[in-house]
Amino acid sequence: MNRPIDPVIGTNNATMRAAGQQFFYELTILAGVFFVATAVLAYAIYPLIGWPSAAPMPMRSIALALTIVVLVTAYNGGLASLGLARPRSIWLTALLVIGFIALKLFVQQPAMGWIREIWDVPPSDTSFFDHIYGNLGAYLGWLVIAWAAGGFAEEIIFRGYLMNRIAGLAGNSALAWVIAIVAQAVIFGLGHYYQGVGGMIGVGFGALLSGTVYVLVKRNLWVLIVTHGVWDTLGITLIYFNGAPSTG
């Protein structure tokens, strides 16, 4: 078998065919990891700890992200191909994180409020996280999960990996990146089905914003990782002190 190549490099037909073959090969492995992790969590681990099988599965995201890291490292794409190269400027990255958080506060949140009013979208169902309220152990545990599964794993899977693969297969044109942004947002939103329709729409909208920012910051994934971790930390902290809200 020929060594697969990074689909971000080159756009000729031969390169795109090789990229397609590599993507199919990777998806086969990732699908296996996904289904095995889902089965183990839903039917073995969650029943033991009293969680519903439809509960979020952060360990599945971590398993998928680790598999992606192994795959891109094995095929010489390197972590830089995901956007994990060392930032040229720590201070610039920090400023971009602050700017992205402000964007989420002052654009994403109001926009979701308008969408709910115009289209009568139900609020997110965050009742699963009620157990965090006043529970220091659960709070600290979910902070670790927020950074490991949310900040690192989900950004590696959806922005660092999926967007680059989709854009590469579509030729790396401007339209290809638009397709990649929309596709990952739809998949990311559907993956949060446990939050109900409102939650999926809210999360999907946020993913659209994240995908756009990923392109604008020239695929510096650290900006998204830190922003995601900080944003989830704020949400979990609010739940710890005030209980789970019914809004996304």
Foldseek 3Di string as FASTA:
>chain_A
DDQADQLLPDQDPVNLVSLVVLVVVLVVVLVVLLVVQLCCVQPPVCVVVVHHSLDADLVSLLSSLVSVQVSCVVSVVHPVLLQADDDPDPVVLVVLLVVVLVCCVPPLVVVLVVVCVVVVFFFWAPQVLQVLAQDVVVLVVVLVSQLSRFLRRLLSPQQRPQLSSQLSSVRVDPVSSLVSQLVSLQVQLVSVCVRPPSSSVSSSSVSSVVSVVCVVVPNNSNSRSVNSSVVVNVQSVCCHHPNHDRHD
